[in-house]
Amino acid sequence: LIPSKMKLDASCEGYSLSFSCDGESMQLTCTGDATIEINSAMFGREKREICEPHPGALNGWSESCSSSTTLNIAEATCNGHETCHLEAKSEVFGGDPCPGWHKYLMVKWQCIN
């Protein structure tokens, strides 16, 4: 369970997975001469357990929803840079993909040389 207002970064097989809850931001950073490569990105809601603002807040939520622009925006913002900043906000990704529901940003990325 990833509660609201919490950021999570995990790493597996050379990829990092970063989450940021609605209204929060994330910073992706590579070291040395490596640069960021975004592998996938989603802004919306796919899982009940991630960024639930409070117990019961998602009662009635039943289907996934996400912005179709997330991957393109994340790639344009971050690919080829040593560091980048992304905000989990509807305005950034072209509108609210899940009206009435608390959303989150999930980015799978890696550092490449």
N, C-alpha and C. Protein backbone atom coordinates (compact mmCIF):
# COMPACT_ATOMS: atom_id res chain seq x y z
N LEU A 1 0.85 -1.18 0.00
CA LEU A 1 0.00 0.00 0.00
C LEU A 1 0.89 1.24 0.00
N ILE A 2 0.64 2.13 -0.93
CA ILE A 2 1.37 3.39 -0.99
C ILE A 2 0.37 4.49 -0.65
N PRO A 3 0.46 5.05 0.57
CA PRO A 3 -0.52 6.05 0.97
C PRO A 3 -0.33 7.37 0.25
N SER A 4 -1.34 8.22 0.35
CA SER A 4 -1.25 9.56 -0.20
C SER A 4 -0.08 10.30 0.43
N LYS A 5 0.49 11.22 -0.32
CA LYS A 5 1.59 12.06 0.14
C LYS A 5 2.89 11.27 0.33
N MET A 6 3.00 10.12 -0.28
CA MET A 6 4.23 9.35 -0.15
C MET A 6 4.81 9.10 -1.53
N LYS A 7 6.11 9.22 -1.63
CA LYS A 7 6.79 8.95 -2.88
C LYS A 7 7.53 7.63 -2.71
N LEU A 8 7.53 6.82 -3.75
CA LEU A 8 8.20 5.53 -3.68
C LEU A 8 9.09 5.39 -4.90
N ASP A 9 10.28 4.91 -4.67
CA ASP A 9 11.19 4.57 -5.75
C ASP A 9 11.66 3.15 -5.50
N ALA A 10 11.60 2.33 -6.52
CA ALA A 10 12.07 0.95 -6.43
C ALA A 10 12.95 0.68 -7.64
N SER A 11 13.83 -0.30 -7.52
CA SER A 11 14.73 -0.61 -8.62
C SER A 11 14.80 -2.12 -8.81
N CYS A 12 14.77 -2.55 -10.07
CA CYS A 12 14.84 -3.97 -10.38
C CYS A 12 15.36 -4.13 -11.80
N GLU A 13 16.36 -4.97 -11.96
CA GLU A 13 16.92 -5.29 -13.28
C GLU A 13 17.33 -4.04 -14.06
N GLY A 14 17.90 -3.07 -13.38
CA GLY A 14 18.39 -1.88 -14.06
C GLY A 14 17.35 -0.80 -14.29
N TYR A 15 16.09 -1.09 -14.03
CA TYR A 15 15.03 -0.10 -14.18
C TYR A 15 14.63 0.43 -12.82
N SER A 16 14.21 1.66 -12.78
CA SER A 16 13.65 2.24 -11.56
C SER A 16 12.18 2.48 -11.80
N LEU A 17 11.39 2.33 -10.75
CA LEU A 17 9.96 2.58 -10.81
C LEU A 17 9.66 3.65 -9.77
N SER A 18 9.18 4.79 -10.22
CA SER A 18 8.90 5.91 -9.32
C SER A 18 7.41 6.23 -9.34
N PHE A 19 6.87 6.50 -8.16
CA PHE A 19 5.46 6.87 -8.00
C PHE A 19 5.39 8.22 -7.32
N SER A 20 4.40 9.02 -7.70
CA SER A 20 4.12 10.26 -7.00
C SER A 20 2.61 10.45 -7.00
N CYS A 21 2.07 10.77 -5.83
CA CYS A 21 0.62 10.93 -5.69
C CYS A 21 0.15 12.26 -6.27
N ASP A 22 -1.13 12.33 -6.55
CA ASP A 22 -1.78 13.51 -7.14
C ASP A 22 -1.34 14.79 -6.44
N GLY A 23 -0.84 15.75 -7.23
CA GLY A 23 -0.42 17.03 -6.69
C GLY A 23 1.03 17.07 -6.22
N GLU A 24 1.67 15.92 -6.15
CA GLU A 24 3.07 15.85 -5.72
C GLU A 24 3.97 15.85 -6.96
N SER A 25 5.28 15.84 -6.73
CA SER A 25 6.21 15.82 -7.86
C SER A 25 7.27 14.76 -7.63
N MET A 26 8.01 14.44 -8.68
CA MET A 26 9.12 13.50 -8.58
C MET A 26 10.30 14.06 -9.34
N GLN A 27 11.47 13.67 -8.89
CA GLN A 27 12.69 14.04 -9.61
C GLN A 27 13.43 12.76 -9.95
N LEU A 28 13.77 12.61 -11.22
CA LEU A 28 14.55 11.48 -11.69
C LEU A 28 15.97 11.97 -11.91
N THR A 29 16.95 11.20 -11.45
CA THR A 29 18.33 11.64 -11.54
C THR A 29 19.26 10.48 -11.87
N CYS A 30 20.16 10.71 -12.82
CA CYS A 30 21.22 9.77 -13.15
C CYS A 30 22.55 10.40 -12.75
N THR A 31 23.55 9.57 -12.52
CA THR A 31 24.86 10.07 -12.12
C THR A 31 25.89 9.84 -13.22
N GLY A 32 27.02 10.50 -13.09
CA GLY A 32 28.08 10.36 -14.08
C GLY A 32 27.64 10.90 -15.42
N ASP A 33 27.97 10.16 -16.47
CA ASP A 33 27.60 10.57 -17.83
C ASP A 33 26.29 9.96 -18.29
N ALA A 34 25.61 9.24 -17.42
CA ALA A 34 24.37 8.57 -17.79
C ALA A 34 23.22 9.58 -17.94
N THR A 35 22.28 9.24 -18.81
CA THR A 35 21.09 10.06 -19.01
C THR A 35 19.84 9.21 -18.85
N ILE A 36 18.74 9.88 -18.63
CA ILE A 36 17.46 9.23 -18.39
C ILE A 36 16.85 8.70 -19.68
N GLU A 37 16.27 7.51 -19.59
CA GLU A 37 15.44 6.96 -20.66
C GLU A 37 14.15 6.47 -20.02
N ILE A 38 13.04 7.04 -20.44
CA ILE A 38 11.72 6.64 -19.93
C ILE A 38 11.27 5.39 -20.68
N ASN A 39 10.88 4.37 -19.93
CA ASN A 39 10.40 3.13 -20.55
C ASN A 39 8.87 3.07 -20.60
N SER A 40 8.22 3.58 -19.56
CA SER A 40 6.76 3.66 -19.55
C SER A 40 6.35 4.71 -18.54
N ALA A 41 5.16 5.24 -18.71
CA ALA A 41 4.64 6.25 -17.78
C ALA A 41 3.12 6.21 -17.81
N MET A 42 2.52 6.43 -16.64
CA MET A 42 1.06 6.43 -16.52
C MET A 42 0.66 7.49 -15.50
N PHE A 43 -0.27 8.36 -15.87
CA PHE A 43 -0.89 9.29 -14.93
C PHE A 43 -2.37 9.00 -14.94
N GLY A 44 -2.90 8.65 -13.80
CA GLY A 44 -4.31 8.29 -13.66
C GLY A 44 -4.46 7.37 -12.48
N ARG A 45 -5.21 6.29 -12.66
CA ARG A 45 -5.36 5.31 -11.60
C ARG A 45 -5.56 3.94 -12.22
N GLU A 46 -4.67 3.00 -11.84
CA GLU A 46 -4.78 1.61 -12.29
C GLU A 46 -4.99 0.66 -11.13
N LYS A 47 -4.51 1.03 -9.94
CA LYS A 47 -4.60 0.15 -8.78
C LYS A 47 -5.17 0.91 -7.59
N ARG A 48 -6.01 0.24 -6.86
CA ARG A 48 -6.65 0.82 -5.68
C ARG A 48 -5.62 1.10 -4.58
N GLU A 49 -4.61 0.24 -4.44
CA GLU A 49 -3.67 0.31 -3.31
C GLU A 49 -2.72 1.50 -3.37
N ILE A 50 -2.56 2.12 -4.50
CA ILE A 50 -1.55 3.17 -4.66
C ILE A 50 -2.18 4.54 -4.44
N CYS A 51 -1.61 5.30 -3.53
CA CYS A 51 -2.02 6.69 -3.28
C CYS A 51 -3.49 6.85 -2.91
N GLU A 52 -4.02 5.95 -2.10
CA GLU A 52 -5.39 6.13 -1.61
C GLU A 52 -5.35 7.23 -0.56
N PRO A 53 -6.09 8.32 -0.76
CA PRO A 53 -5.97 9.47 0.14
C PRO A 53 -6.36 9.17 1.59
N HIS A 54 -7.32 8.26 1.79
CA HIS A 54 -7.70 7.81 3.13
C HIS A 54 -8.54 6.55 2.97
N PRO A 55 -8.60 5.70 3.99
CA PRO A 55 -9.37 4.45 3.86
C PRO A 55 -10.80 4.71 3.42
N GLY A 56 -11.23 3.97 2.43
CA GLY A 56 -12.59 4.11 1.92
C GLY A 56 -12.78 5.17 0.87
N ALA A 57 -11.73 5.96 0.60
CA ALA A 57 -11.86 7.06 -0.36
C ALA A 57 -12.15 6.57 -1.77
N LEU A 58 -11.79 5.33 -2.06
CA LEU A 58 -11.99 4.81 -3.41
C LEU A 58 -13.16 3.84 -3.51
N ASN A 59 -14.04 3.84 -2.49
CA ASN A 59 -15.24 3.02 -2.59
C ASN A 59 -16.03 3.45 -3.82
N GLY A 60 -16.38 2.50 -4.64
CA GLY A 60 -17.11 2.80 -5.87
C GLY A 60 -16.22 2.90 -7.09
N TRP A 61 -14.90 3.05 -6.89
CA TRP A 61 -13.98 3.10 -8.03
C TRP A 61 -13.85 1.70 -8.60
N SER A 62 -13.99 1.55 -9.92
CA SER A 62 -13.96 0.20 -10.47
C SER A 62 -13.17 0.04 -11.76
N GLU A 63 -12.84 1.11 -12.44
CA GLU A 63 -12.11 0.91 -13.68
C GLU A 63 -10.90 1.81 -13.80
N SER A 64 -9.91 1.30 -14.49
CA SER A 64 -8.68 2.05 -14.70
C SER A 64 -8.95 3.25 -15.60
N CYS A 65 -8.19 4.30 -15.38
CA CYS A 65 -8.28 5.48 -16.23
C CYS A 65 -6.90 6.10 -16.27
N SER A 66 -6.50 6.57 -17.43
CA SER A 66 -5.18 7.19 -17.54
C SER A 66 -5.14 8.16 -18.70
N SER A 67 -4.21 9.09 -18.61
CA SER A 67 -4.01 10.08 -19.65
C SER A 67 -3.22 9.46 -20.80
N SER A 68 -3.67 9.67 -22.01
CA SER A 68 -2.99 9.11 -23.19
C SER A 68 -1.72 9.89 -23.54
N THR A 69 -1.51 11.04 -22.91
CA THR A 69 -0.35 11.87 -23.24
C THR A 69 0.84 11.65 -22.31
N THR A 70 0.67 10.85 -21.27
CA THR A 70 1.68 10.74 -20.22
C THR A 70 3.04 10.31 -20.74
N LEU A 71 3.10 9.24 -21.51
CA LEU A 71 4.39 8.75 -21.99
C LEU A 71 5.10 9.79 -22.85
N ASN A 72 4.39 10.39 -23.79
CA ASN A 72 5.01 11.39 -24.67
C ASN A 72 5.54 12.58 -23.88
N ILE A 73 4.78 13.05 -22.90
CA ILE A 73 5.21 14.19 -22.10
C ILE A 73 6.41 13.83 -21.24
N ALA A 74 6.38 12.67 -20.61
CA ALA A 74 7.51 12.24 -19.77
C ALA A 74 8.77 12.06 -20.61
N GLU A 75 8.64 11.47 -21.79
CA GLU A 75 9.80 11.30 -22.67
C GLU A 75 10.36 12.65 -23.10
N ALA A 76 9.49 13.56 -23.52
CA ALA A 76 9.94 14.88 -23.98
C ALA A 76 10.61 15.67 -22.85
N THR A 77 10.14 15.49 -21.64
CA THR A 77 10.67 16.22 -20.49
C THR A 77 11.99 15.63 -19.99
N CYS A 78 12.13 14.30 -20.06
CA CYS A 78 13.23 13.64 -19.35
C CYS A 78 14.28 12.96 -20.22
N ASN A 79 13.88 12.36 -21.34
CA ASN A 79 14.85 11.57 -22.11
C ASN A 79 16.07 12.39 -22.51
N GLY A 80 17.26 11.81 -22.27
CA GLY A 80 18.50 12.46 -22.65
C GLY A 80 19.05 13.43 -21.62
N HIS A 81 18.33 13.65 -20.51
CA HIS A 81 18.77 14.56 -19.46
C HIS A 81 19.33 13.77 -18.28
N GLU A 82 20.24 14.40 -17.53
CA GLU A 82 20.77 13.77 -16.32
C GLU A 82 19.76 13.80 -15.19
N THR A 83 18.91 14.81 -15.19
CA THR A 83 17.88 14.94 -14.16
C THR A 83 16.64 15.57 -14.78
N CYS A 84 15.49 15.27 -14.22
CA CYS A 84 14.26 15.93 -14.67
C CYS A 84 13.25 15.91 -13.55
N HIS A 85 12.27 16.78 -13.66
CA HIS A 85 11.25 17.00 -12.65
C HIS A 85 9.89 16.80 -13.31
N LEU A 86 9.05 15.93 -12.75
CA LEU A 86 7.70 15.69 -13.26
C LEU A 86 6.70 15.93 -12.14
N GLU A 87 5.58 16.56 -12.48
CA GLU A 87 4.53 16.81 -11.51
C GLU A 87 3.32 15.94 -11.81
N ALA A 88 2.76 15.35 -10.77
CA ALA A 88 1.56 14.51 -10.90
C ALA A 88 0.32 15.41 -10.82
N LYS A 89 0.07 16.12 -11.90
CA LYS A 89 -1.06 17.06 -11.96
C LYS A 89 -1.79 16.91 -13.29
N SER A 90 -3.09 16.99 -13.24
CA SER A 90 -3.91 16.88 -14.45
C SER A 90 -3.53 17.91 -15.50
N GLU A 91 -3.20 19.14 -15.06
CA GLU A 91 -2.86 20.20 -16.00
C GLU A 91 -1.63 19.85 -16.84
N VAL A 92 -0.72 19.11 -16.26
CA VAL A 92 0.52 18.74 -16.96
C VAL A 92 0.23 17.74 -18.09
N PHE A 93 -0.75 16.87 -17.86
CA PHE A 93 -1.00 15.78 -18.81
C PHE A 93 -2.27 15.96 -19.64
N GLY A 94 -2.69 17.21 -19.82
CA GLY A 94 -3.77 17.50 -20.76
C GLY A 94 -5.17 17.35 -20.23
N GLY A 95 -5.36 17.41 -18.94
CA GLY A 95 -6.71 17.31 -18.38
C GLY A 95 -6.84 16.14 -17.43
N ASP A 96 -7.98 16.05 -16.80
CA ASP A 96 -8.23 15.05 -15.77
C ASP A 96 -8.74 13.75 -16.39
N PRO A 97 -7.92 12.69 -16.37
CA PRO A 97 -8.36 11.42 -16.97
C PRO A 97 -9.34 10.65 -16.09
N CYS A 98 -9.46 11.02 -14.82
CA CYS A 98 -10.31 10.30 -13.87
C CYS A 98 -11.06 11.29 -12.99
N PRO A 99 -12.01 12.02 -13.54
CA PRO A 99 -12.70 13.03 -12.74
C PRO A 99 -13.27 12.45 -11.45
N GLY A 100 -12.97 13.14 -10.35
CA GLY A 100 -13.50 12.73 -9.06
C GLY A 100 -12.63 11.73 -8.31
N TRP A 101 -11.58 11.22 -8.93
CA TRP A 101 -10.74 10.22 -8.27
C TRP A 101 -9.33 10.74 -8.07
N HIS A 102 -8.71 10.33 -6.97
CA HIS A 102 -7.33 10.68 -6.66
C HIS A 102 -6.41 9.90 -7.61
N LYS A 103 -5.50 10.58 -8.26
CA LYS A 103 -4.64 9.97 -9.27
C LYS A 103 -3.20 9.86 -8.78
N TYR A 104 -2.36 9.21 -9.59
CA TYR A 104 -0.93 9.14 -9.30
C TYR A 104 -0.16 9.05 -10.60
N LEU A 105 1.12 9.38 -10.51
CA LEU A 105 2.03 9.28 -11.64
C LEU A 105 2.98 8.11 -11.36
N MET A 106 3.12 7.22 -12.32
CA MET A 106 4.02 6.09 -12.21
C MET A 106 4.95 6.13 -13.42
N VAL A 107 6.26 6.09 -13.19
CA VAL A 107 7.24 6.17 -14.27
C VAL A 107 8.25 5.04 -14.11
N LYS A 108 8.42 4.26 -15.17
CA LYS A 108 9.46 3.24 -15.22
C LYS A 108 10.57 3.81 -16.10
N TRP A 109 11.80 3.85 -15.56
CA TRP A 109 12.88 4.54 -16.26
C TRP A 109 14.21 3.89 -15.93
N GLN A 110 15.23 4.27 -16.69
CA GLN A 110 16.58 3.79 -16.44
C GLN A 110 17.59 4.84 -16.83
N CYS A 111 18.80 4.65 -16.31
CA CYS A 111 19.93 5.50 -16.69
C CYS A 111 20.74 4.74 -17.73
N ILE A 112 21.03 5.42 -18.84
CA ILE A 112 21.80 4.78 -19.91
C ILE A 112 23.03 5.61 -20.22
N ASN A 113 24.07 4.95 -20.69
CA ASN A 113 25.30 5.65 -21.06
C ASN A 113 25.35 5.88 -22.55
